[in-house]
Amino acid sequence: MMDPLLLAVVTIAGAIATGWVFARVFGPADPSGALPSALPERQASWSSGLARTRGGMARRLLSAWTDGGVPDEWLSRAEETLLSSDVGMTATTALVSRWRREIGRANSEHEVRGIVRDAVRDLLTPTGPPPAAPERPHVILVVGVNGVGKTTTIGKLSHRFHAAGQNVLLVAGDTFRAAAIEQLAQWAERTEAGLVRHQHGADPSAVVFDGANAARARGADVVIIDTAGRLHVKANLMEEVKKVARTAGKAIPGAPHEVLLVIDATTGQNAINQAKVFHEALGVDGVVLTKLDGTAKGGVALAIVAELGLPIRYVGLGEAVGDLAEFDPSAFADALVTET
C-alpha cells in the first residue's frame, strides 16, 4: 500500500498532466491591453463544472497528510509519475528538487498545498520583461504542424480582438488546402473581421504581401496570418514559413510582431521537438496549447516552459468561439490544490 504522503504528492503530480485542470485557467486581460478578459459566461460555466473534481482532489490531500519528513522513496516515485505524465526531465527535476527542500518543513495540509502550488506557479511564470505596447497594425504569425487547430485558434483570437473593439484582418496564408481558405473565410464572417485571400495553390508570400497592404489601407489594428501546416522535420517547408515571415517584415516594419506556435497537447513529448524546431527557425514568442479539455497530456505545458523558456499564452478548451483562455500560472496552480 502506498504511503499516505506519497499518495498526496503523486496525486498532485498526476493532476498536473490532466487536461481538465486547464479549464480553470481563465486569466486576466493581456498586459498590453489589446485583449479582453475571458467571457464571464464561459468562465462561470467551466468553474462550475470543475468544482466537484477540484474539491475531491483537495480532500484526498487533506486525508493523506501526516507529520514528518518525506523519504527519498516517496520523491523518487513522484518523479516517475511526473516523467510518465509528459512533464519532462527539466521540469520534473526542478519540481522534485524544490519539494525535497521545502516539504519536510510542512506541519499541516495547508502548508503542503502551498508548497506544491507555489512550485508549479513559479515554474510556469514568465521571467522575461512584460510585453511591449502593440504596434499598429499588430501582425501575428500563427504556425504549427498539421491538425493542431491553427485556423480554429485564429478564429478564436479574432473573436477576442473584435470583442475588445479592435479592427481585425485575417490573411489566408495556407493556400495548400482549399478547405483552410474556406474555413478562415467562415471565421472572418463569424467574427466580423476582414479577409485577404488568393486562389488555392497561390504563393503564400504574395497573399501576405497583399494582406499587409490591405491592413494599412483599411486601418486594421490587428493582422493574423494563417500558415500551412508543415512537418517540423521538413526543412523545405520550414524555409517557406521563414519566407512568409520575411515578406511580412518587408511590407510592415518589424512584422511579424508576434509568432504564436499552436501545439496539440495530446502529442506529449513530441510537442517539445516541434517547439524547438519552430523556435530555432522563427523565434517563437508564445505557445497556444489546444485540445486540453479531455487529455491527460497537459503536463507538456511545464516541459515547454522549463526546457525552452517559452511562455504558454493561451489554452484551447473546446470548439466554441469563447473556448480560448489566456494562461494564468497562478490560477492553474491554485486549481491543483484548492478545496471548493
Foldseek 3Di string as FASTA:
>chain_A
DDQLQLVLLLLLLLVLLALLLCQQFFDQAAPLLQFHTFDVVSNVVSCVVCQVVLQVSQVSLQVSDDAAADDPVSLVVSLVSNVVLLLDDLLSVQLSVQCNVPVRPDDHSVSVLVSQLVSQLVLQDFDDDGDDNADFQAEEEEAAAPPLCRLLVVLLVLLRSVVSVFAEEEFELALQDPVSQVSNVVSCVVNVHHYQYDHRPDQSLVSLLVSLVVCVVVRGNYYYYYHHHDDLVDPVRLVSVLSSQVSNCVSPPCPNVAYEYEDELQVRPVSLVRVVSNCVSPNHAAYEYEPSQGHSRSSNQSVCCRVPVHHHQWYAHDNDSSRIRGGRSSSSSCSSNPND
